[in-house]
Amino acid sequence: MPDRAPQPVERQLPTEESRDLLALVRDMIQREIAPRAAAEEDAGHFPREIFALLSESGLLGLPYDAEYGGGDQPYEVYLQVLEELAAARLTVGLGVSVHSLACHALAGYGTKEQQAAHLPAMLGGGLLGAYCLSEPASGSDAASLRTKAVRDGDDWVITGTKAWITHGGVADFYTVLARTGGEGARGITAFLVPGDAEGLNAAAPEKKMGMKGSPTAQLNFDGVRVPDSRRVGEEGQGFAIALSALDSGRLGIAACAIGVAQAALEEAASYATGRQQFGRPIADFQGLRFMLADMATQIEAGRSLYLAAARLRDAGRPFSREAAMAKLFCTDAAMRVTTDAVQVLGGYGYTLDFPVERYMREAKVLQIVEGTNQIQRMVIARRLLGPETR
């Protein structure tokens, strides 16, 4: 059964411009994304043409400076756009979030010359980015990464393997964290690597339980040479850059999670009002009514949490703890809501004829990416209690 376009969520947007922007996004979803989502996910089709359309429409650089082709939108607006995209198709919503994450280092820490040279193409020139932090042996413990960058004259030579890279093998550029110094966080530096760099090769995409349209692959750097002009920030500053990017990226994941949960709730509510048992709609039964009420409450609470964190970010205030809370709560809520949506549909929920089984499979990965939810709890606890004693 083709996916229905998600029903509009009542939103409070700060400007007429942002309201027009949301109308554009919803129109694009209705015409280009939702009608094809189920079939293309089932076929494992990566919608590069959709990302090209998003770039052409100015939707790949929403939170970045208009001077370089961005949309100059506050995170409060950008995240609600992400939620709408993810509700229609998570491959698209998460892909936009990953692209924004890949642009963060250059936009926040690059020189004016670097920004002028690269950001216009990254934000509105049709390019698609990826973010390379994780490795086969360093996931949550990112400071232990082993990919090395060795100085050779005016160049750096990068050697190593990155893992779990969204858009791996299809991205036009990669923001890569590599070791340039000693052990630990202080020895890591960020680089902007072209997707067609010599010596850069992608392994076959991972075979995943969900998000089959979004390629996730290992990347092998076999002596990839990049000029020092593509080093982002100072030597040894890379881990701090990575952490600042992840704070913002976690809000993107939170918004995507609420989008998936919203889509699942709408499907469950529609089914419950139409399905007849014992001579009346199953939506009349208190058990299901309470389940749907709980689902709606979790979604609204998660939305409020990620928007509160976004407003802190927009105001220039610290938001790391709130980003971790939003990522933790929203993705756990999405897992509960999508599981309950399958239950509401009963046997039909377990079939490919309805999209709720896909939503449930997709929700799981959101508890893992951009730092597992166990890591989010560690971040929150440290802000609350201070570092662990040894």
Protein backbone atom coordinates (compact mmCIF):
# COMPACT_ATOMS: atom_id res chain seq x y z
CA MET A 1 0.00 0.00 0.00
CA PRO A 2 1.48 3.40 -0.93
CA ASP A 3 2.21 5.71 1.98
CA ARG A 4 -0.22 8.52 2.61
CA ALA A 5 1.32 11.96 2.83
CA PRO A 6 1.48 12.89 6.53
CA GLN A 7 -1.30 15.12 7.80
CA PRO A 8 -0.17 18.70 8.57
CA VAL A 9 0.90 19.27 12.16
CA GLU A 10 -0.23 22.56 13.63
CA ARG A 11 2.98 24.59 13.98
CA GLN A 12 3.94 27.90 15.52
CA LEU A 13 6.54 29.41 13.20
CA PRO A 14 8.16 32.77 13.95
CA THR A 15 7.91 34.55 10.58
CA GLU A 16 5.87 34.71 7.40
CA GLU A 17 8.99 33.54 5.55
CA SER A 18 9.21 30.40 7.66
CA ARG A 19 5.51 29.69 7.11
CA ASP A 20 6.00 30.01 3.36
CA LEU A 21 9.01 27.71 3.64
CA LEU A 22 6.96 25.05 5.39
CA ALA A 23 4.25 25.31 2.73
CA LEU A 24 6.91 24.70 0.07
CA VAL A 25 8.19 21.65 1.95
CA ARG A 26 4.71 20.20 2.38
CA ASP A 27 3.94 20.67 -1.30
CA MET A 28 7.17 18.91 -2.25
CA ILE A 29 6.36 16.06 0.13
CA GLN A 30 2.89 15.62 -1.37
CA ARG A 31 4.18 15.62 -4.95
CA GLU A 32 7.65 14.10 -4.87
CA ILE A 33 8.39 12.16 -1.69
CA ALA A 34 5.42 10.50 0.01
CA PRO A 35 3.86 8.78 -3.04
CA ARG A 36 7.13 6.92 -3.80
CA ALA A 37 8.47 6.32 -0.30
CA ALA A 38 7.24 2.77 0.33
CA ALA A 39 8.16 1.37 -3.09
CA GLU A 40 11.57 3.02 -3.19
CA GLU A 41 12.48 1.93 0.34
CA ASP A 42 11.43 -1.62 -0.48
CA ALA A 43 13.62 -1.50 -3.60
CA GLY A 44 16.55 0.07 -1.75
CA HIS A 45 16.52 3.08 -4.07
CA PHE A 46 18.63 6.03 -2.94
CA PRO A 47 16.68 9.17 -3.93
CA ARG A 48 19.57 11.28 -5.19
CA GLU A 49 17.13 13.17 -7.40
CA ILE A 50 15.20 14.27 -4.30
CA PHE A 51 18.36 15.65 -2.69
CA ALA A 52 19.12 17.51 -5.93
CA LEU A 53 15.62 19.01 -5.80
CA LEU A 54 16.05 19.94 -2.13
CA SER A 55 19.35 21.65 -2.93
CA GLU A 56 17.84 23.51 -5.88
CA SER A 57 15.00 24.65 -3.61
CA GLY A 58 17.37 25.94 -0.93
CA LEU A 59 16.45 23.23 1.59
CA LEU A 60 19.87 21.63 2.12
CA GLY A 61 21.42 24.65 3.82
CA LEU A 62 18.57 26.02 5.92
CA PRO A 63 20.44 26.72 9.19
CA TYR A 64 23.48 28.29 7.51
CA ASP A 65 24.49 31.80 6.51
CA ALA A 66 22.81 33.28 3.44
CA GLU A 67 26.15 34.85 2.48
CA TYR A 68 27.26 31.40 1.30
CA GLY A 69 23.97 30.11 -0.03
CA GLY A 70 22.32 29.03 3.22
CA GLY A 71 18.76 29.75 4.30
CA ASP A 72 19.50 31.85 7.42
CA GLN A 73 16.79 29.93 9.27
CA PRO A 74 16.86 29.39 13.04
CA TYR A 75 17.20 25.83 14.26
CA GLU A 76 13.64 26.07 15.57
CA VAL A 77 12.45 26.27 11.95
CA TYR A 78 15.01 23.93 10.39
CA LEU A 79 14.16 21.10 12.79
CA GLN A 80 10.45 21.33 12.05
CA VAL A 81 11.26 21.01 8.35
CA LEU A 82 13.32 17.91 9.18
CA GLU A 83 10.41 16.46 11.12
CA GLU A 84 8.10 16.91 8.13
CA LEU A 85 10.60 15.30 5.75
CA ALA A 86 11.23 12.36 8.09
CA ALA A 87 7.50 11.77 8.53
CA ALA A 88 7.25 11.33 4.77
CA ARG A 89 10.46 9.31 4.38
CA LEU A 90 13.20 8.91 6.96
CA THR A 91 15.86 8.33 4.29
CA VAL A 92 15.27 11.92 3.16
CA GLY A 93 14.90 13.55 6.57
CA LEU A 94 17.92 11.82 8.05
CA GLY A 95 19.88 12.49 4.86
CA VAL A 96 19.29 16.23 5.20
CA SER A 97 20.37 16.06 8.85
CA VAL A 98 23.57 14.21 7.92
CA HIS A 99 24.33 16.72 5.17
CA SER A 100 23.90 19.58 7.65
CA LEU A 101 26.22 17.76 10.04
CA ALA A 102 28.84 17.41 7.30
CA CYS A 103 28.69 21.17 6.63
CA HIS A 104 29.00 22.14 10.31
CA ALA A 105 32.79 22.00 10.61
CA LEU A 106 33.49 24.27 7.67
CA ALA A 107 30.66 26.68 8.48
CA GLY A 108 31.67 26.98 12.12
CA TYR A 109 35.46 26.63 12.08
CA GLY A 110 36.66 27.21 8.52
CA THR A 111 38.48 30.33 7.40
CA LYS A 112 36.67 32.95 5.35
CA GLU A 113 38.64 31.78 2.34
CA GLN A 114 37.63 28.15 2.87
CA GLN A 115 34.00 29.08 3.39
CA ALA A 116 33.89 31.20 0.24
CA ALA A 117 35.57 28.43 -1.78
CA HIS A 118 33.41 25.50 -0.67
CA LEU A 119 30.22 26.44 1.19
CA PRO A 120 28.16 27.75 -1.77
CA ALA A 121 28.41 24.39 -3.55
CA MET A 122 27.82 22.48 -0.31
CA LEU A 123 24.76 24.47 0.73
CA GLY A 124 23.02 25.07 -2.59
CA GLY A 125 25.11 23.77 -5.43
CA GLY A 126 23.79 20.25 -5.65
CA LEU A 127 26.51 18.59 -3.56
CA LEU A 128 25.69 16.02 -0.87
CA GLY A 129 27.87 15.47 2.19
CA ALA A 130 28.72 12.78 4.73
CA TYR A 131 30.33 12.79 8.16
CA CYS A 132 33.21 10.45 8.98
CA LEU A 133 33.87 9.98 12.69
CA SER A 134 33.08 6.34 13.58
CA GLU A 135 35.44 3.47 12.83
CA PRO A 136 35.17 -0.32 13.10
CA ALA A 137 36.85 -0.27 16.54
CA SER A 138 35.77 3.19 17.76
CA GLY A 139 32.08 3.92 17.87
CA SER A 140 30.98 5.39 21.19
CA ASP A 141 34.65 5.81 22.16
CA ALA A 142 35.28 8.19 19.27
CA ALA A 143 38.41 9.70 20.84
CA SER A 144 40.21 6.40 20.24
CA LEU A 145 39.92 6.62 16.44
CA ARG A 146 42.89 5.27 14.46
CA THR A 147 42.59 6.80 10.98
CA LYS A 148 45.79 8.80 10.54
CA ALA A 149 46.66 11.96 8.64
CA VAL A 150 50.39 12.50 8.16
CA ARG A 151 51.85 15.81 6.99
CA ASP A 152 53.78 15.65 3.70
CA GLY A 153 54.90 19.11 2.64
CA ASP A 154 51.80 21.17 1.90
CA ASP A 155 49.59 18.07 1.90
CA TRP A 156 48.16 15.57 4.35
CA VAL A 157 48.04 11.84 3.58
CA ILE A 158 45.07 10.05 5.17
CA THR A 159 45.10 6.31 5.82
CA GLY A 160 42.51 4.23 7.65
CA THR A 161 38.91 3.01 7.65
CA LYS A 162 35.71 4.76 8.64
CA ALA A 163 32.54 2.80 9.41
CA TRP A 164 28.78 3.32 9.46
CA ILE A 165 28.97 6.27 7.10
CA THR A 166 25.57 7.48 5.92
CA HIS A 167 25.88 8.39 2.21
CA GLY A 168 29.11 6.39 2.12
CA GLY A 169 30.07 5.92 -1.53
CA VAL A 170 27.53 8.43 -2.89
CA ALA A 171 28.55 11.66 -1.15
CA ASP A 172 30.35 14.45 -2.98
CA PHE A 173 32.37 15.43 0.08
CA TYR A 174 33.27 13.99 3.46
CA THR A 175 34.09 15.74 6.70
CA VAL A 176 36.75 13.40 8.09
CA LEU A 177 38.20 13.24 11.59
CA ALA A 178 41.72 11.80 11.61
CA ARG A 179 44.58 11.47 14.05
CA THR A 180 47.42 13.92 13.46
CA GLY A 181 49.00 13.80 16.91
CA GLY A 182 49.21 11.67 20.05
CA GLU A 183 46.61 9.51 21.72
CA GLY A 184 43.22 10.74 22.85
CA ALA A 185 41.02 13.65 21.92
CA ARG A 186 43.79 16.25 21.59
CA GLY A 187 45.43 14.51 18.64
CA ILE A 188 42.48 14.67 16.20
CA THR A 189 42.07 17.07 13.27
CA ALA A 190 39.22 17.70 10.82
CA PHE A 191 39.56 17.60 7.02
CA LEU A 192 37.28 18.24 4.07
CA VAL A 193 37.83 15.38 1.60
CA PRO A 194 36.36 15.33 -1.93
CA GLY A 195 34.22 12.31 -2.72
CA ASP A 196 36.28 11.49 -5.80
CA ALA A 197 39.69 11.72 -4.08
CA GLU A 198 42.23 9.20 -5.33
CA GLY A 199 42.64 6.35 -2.86
CA LEU A 200 39.17 6.76 -1.36
CA ASN A 201 36.98 3.69 -1.82
CA ALA A 202 33.64 2.61 -0.40
CA ALA A 203 32.86 -0.96 0.60
CA ALA A 204 29.55 -2.56 -0.33
CA PRO A 205 26.67 -0.93 1.59
CA GLU A 206 25.61 -2.59 4.83
CA LYS A 207 22.52 -4.79 4.69
CA LYS A 208 20.22 -3.17 7.22
CA MET A 209 16.85 -3.93 8.78
CA GLY A 210 15.55 -0.47 7.89
CA MET A 211 16.37 2.66 5.90
CA LYS A 212 17.23 0.48 2.94
CA GLY A 213 17.18 3.46 0.61
CA SER A 214 19.97 5.19 2.54
CA PRO A 215 23.43 3.71 1.82
CA THR A 216 25.57 3.07 4.89
CA ALA A 217 29.08 1.89 4.13
CA GLN A 218 32.66 1.62 5.29
CA LEU A 219 35.12 4.01 3.65
CA ASN A 220 38.73 3.02 3.07
CA PHE A 221 41.34 5.79 2.91
CA ASP A 222 44.38 4.36 1.16
CA GLY A 223 46.88 7.20 1.19
CA VAL A 224 44.30 9.85 0.30
CA ARG A 225 46.14 13.11 -0.27
CA VAL A 226 44.49 16.43 0.55
CA PRO A 227 46.09 19.88 0.65
CA ASP A 228 46.50 21.72 3.93
CA SER A 229 43.95 24.21 2.61
CA ARG A 230 41.35 21.49 3.28
CA ARG A 231 42.28 21.16 6.94
CA VAL A 232 39.38 22.63 8.95
CA GLY A 233 40.28 24.40 12.18
CA GLU A 234 43.57 24.08 13.99
CA GLU A 235 45.58 20.89 14.29
CA GLY A 236 44.28 18.97 17.29
CA GLN A 237 40.95 20.85 17.32
CA GLY A 238 39.05 18.14 15.48
CA PHE A 239 37.49 16.40 18.45
CA ALA A 240 36.07 19.65 19.82
CA ILE A 241 34.67 20.37 16.35
CA ALA A 242 33.15 16.89 16.23
CA LEU A 243 31.44 17.29 19.61
CA SER A 244 29.97 20.67 18.68
CA ALA A 245 28.64 19.17 15.45
CA LEU A 246 27.10 16.23 17.31
CA ASP A 247 25.21 18.51 19.70
CA SER A 248 23.41 20.02 16.71
CA GLY A 249 23.17 16.67 14.93
CA ARG A 250 21.42 15.11 17.91
CA LEU A 251 18.66 17.67 17.59
CA GLY A 252 18.30 16.65 13.96
CA ILE A 253 17.88 13.02 14.99
CA ALA A 254 15.34 14.01 17.65
CA ALA A 255 13.26 15.86 15.06
CA CYS A 256 13.46 12.93 12.64
CA ALA A 257 12.32 10.57 15.40
CA ILE A 258 9.26 12.67 16.13
CA GLY A 259 8.49 12.74 12.41
CA VAL A 260 8.53 8.94 12.19
CA ALA A 261 6.44 8.67 15.36
CA GLN A 262 3.91 11.19 14.02
CA ALA A 263 3.53 9.22 10.80
CA ALA A 264 2.99 6.01 12.78
CA LEU A 265 0.38 7.64 15.01
CA GLU A 266 -1.56 8.97 12.03
CA GLU A 267 -1.57 5.56 10.37
CA ALA A 268 -2.70 3.86 13.60
CA ALA A 269 -5.44 6.40 14.28
CA SER A 270 -6.73 6.15 10.70
CA TYR A 271 -6.81 2.37 10.87
CA ALA A 272 -8.51 2.35 14.29
CA THR A 273 -11.35 4.57 13.12
CA GLY A 274 -11.95 2.48 10.00
CA ARG A 275 -11.51 -1.06 11.33
CA GLN A 276 -14.76 -2.67 12.57
CA GLN A 277 -14.87 -5.39 15.22
CA PHE A 278 -17.84 -6.49 17.34
CA GLY A 279 -20.03 -4.16 15.33
CA ARG A 280 -18.17 -0.92 15.93
CA PRO A 281 -14.84 0.78 15.16
CA ILE A 282 -11.97 -0.51 17.26
CA ALA A 283 -11.26 3.15 18.08
CA ASP A 284 -14.30 2.93 20.39
CA PHE A 285 -12.53 0.51 22.72
CA GLN A 286 -10.94 2.16 25.72
CA GLY A 287 -7.76 0.08 25.57
CA LEU A 288 -6.94 1.36 22.09
CA ARG A 289 -8.09 4.89 22.86
CA PHE A 290 -5.74 5.08 25.82
CA MET A 291 -2.88 3.61 23.76
CA LEU A 292 -3.35 6.23 21.05
CA ALA A 293 -3.62 8.98 23.68
CA ASP A 294 -0.31 7.89 25.19
CA MET A 295 1.30 7.84 21.75
CA ALA A 296 0.11 11.38 21.02
CA THR A 297 1.34 12.60 24.40
CA GLN A 298 4.83 11.17 23.91
CA ILE A 299 5.07 12.81 20.49
CA GLU A 300 3.98 16.21 21.76
CA ALA A 301 6.37 16.00 24.73
CA GLY A 302 9.26 15.07 22.45
CA ARG A 303 8.46 17.87 20.03
CA SER A 304 8.40 20.40 22.89
CA LEU A 305 11.72 19.08 24.18
CA TYR A 306 13.60 19.34 20.89
CA LEU A 307 12.14 22.79 20.17
CA ALA A 308 13.17 24.05 23.62
CA ALA A 309 16.73 22.88 22.96
CA ALA A 310 16.66 24.50 19.50
CA ARG A 311 15.62 27.82 20.99
CA LEU A 312 18.56 27.68 23.39
CA ARG A 313 20.87 27.08 20.44
CA ASP A 314 19.30 29.94 18.49
CA ALA A 315 19.82 32.25 21.47
CA GLY A 316 23.52 31.34 21.63
CA ARG A 317 23.14 29.60 25.00
CA PRO A 318 24.61 26.20 26.01
CA PHE A 319 22.39 23.35 24.86
CA SER A 320 24.50 20.16 25.04
CA ARG A 321 22.53 18.68 27.93
CA GLU A 322 19.21 19.59 26.36
CA ALA A 323 20.30 18.13 22.99
CA ALA A 324 21.18 14.85 24.71
CA MET A 325 17.84 14.85 26.52
CA ALA A 326 15.95 15.53 23.31
CA LYS A 327 17.77 12.82 21.38
CA LEU A 328 17.25 10.31 24.20
CA PHE A 329 13.57 11.03 24.81
CA CYS A 330 12.46 11.50 21.20
CA THR A 331 14.11 8.35 19.85
CA ASP A 332 12.92 6.19 22.76
CA ALA A 333 9.43 7.64 22.22
CA ALA A 334 9.60 6.84 18.51
CA MET A 335 10.46 3.23 19.30
CA ARG A 336 7.51 2.93 21.69
CA VAL A 337 5.06 4.71 19.40
CA THR A 338 5.94 2.72 16.29
CA THR A 339 5.79 -0.58 18.21
CA ASP A 340 2.37 0.39 19.54
CA ALA A 341 1.25 1.37 16.04
CA VAL A 342 2.04 -2.15 14.83
CA GLN A 343 -0.02 -3.49 17.76
CA VAL A 344 -2.99 -1.28 16.88
CA LEU A 345 -3.05 -2.71 13.36
CA GLY A 346 -2.73 -6.26 14.68
CA GLY A 347 -1.79 -8.79 12.02
CA TYR A 348 -1.96 -6.16 9.32
CA GLY A 349 0.68 -4.15 11.16
CA TYR A 350 3.12 -7.01 10.69
CA THR A 351 2.64 -7.07 6.93
CA LEU A 352 4.28 -5.01 4.20
CA ASP A 353 0.84 -3.80 3.11
CA PHE A 354 0.95 -1.04 5.72
CA PRO A 355 3.90 1.26 6.51
CA VAL A 356 3.92 0.87 10.30
CA GLU A 357 6.26 -2.12 10.21
CA ARG A 358 8.74 0.03 8.28
CA TYR A 359 8.40 2.85 10.78
CA MET A 360 9.20 0.43 13.60
CA ARG A 361 12.30 -0.87 11.82
CA GLU A 362 13.44 2.66 11.06
CA ALA A 363 12.86 3.95 14.60
CA LYS A 364 15.37 1.46 16.00
CA VAL A 365 18.37 3.00 14.28
CA LEU A 366 17.55 6.42 15.70
CA GLN A 367 18.35 5.11 19.19
CA ILE A 368 21.85 4.28 17.92
CA VAL A 369 23.07 6.97 15.50
CA GLU A 370 24.68 10.27 16.63
CA GLY A 371 25.62 8.61 19.91
CA THR A 372 23.69 5.71 21.39
CA ASN A 373 21.05 6.49 23.96
CA GLN A 374 23.31 5.02 26.62
CA ILE A 375 25.86 7.71 25.69
CA GLN A 376 23.13 10.36 25.94
CA ARG A 377 22.40 9.22 29.49
CA MET A 378 26.09 9.53 30.32
CA VAL A 379 26.15 13.09 28.94
CA ILE A 380 23.07 14.06 30.95
CA ALA A 381 24.36 12.45 34.15
CA ARG A 382 27.72 14.21 33.88
CA ARG A 383 25.96 17.57 33.50
CA LEU A 384 23.82 16.72 36.50
CA LEU A 385 26.36 15.06 38.81
CA GLY A 386 29.78 15.90 37.42
CA PRO A 387 32.36 13.42 36.06
CA GLU A 388 32.46 9.88 37.40
CA THR A 389 34.87 9.28 40.28
CA ARG A 390 37.58 6.67 39.83
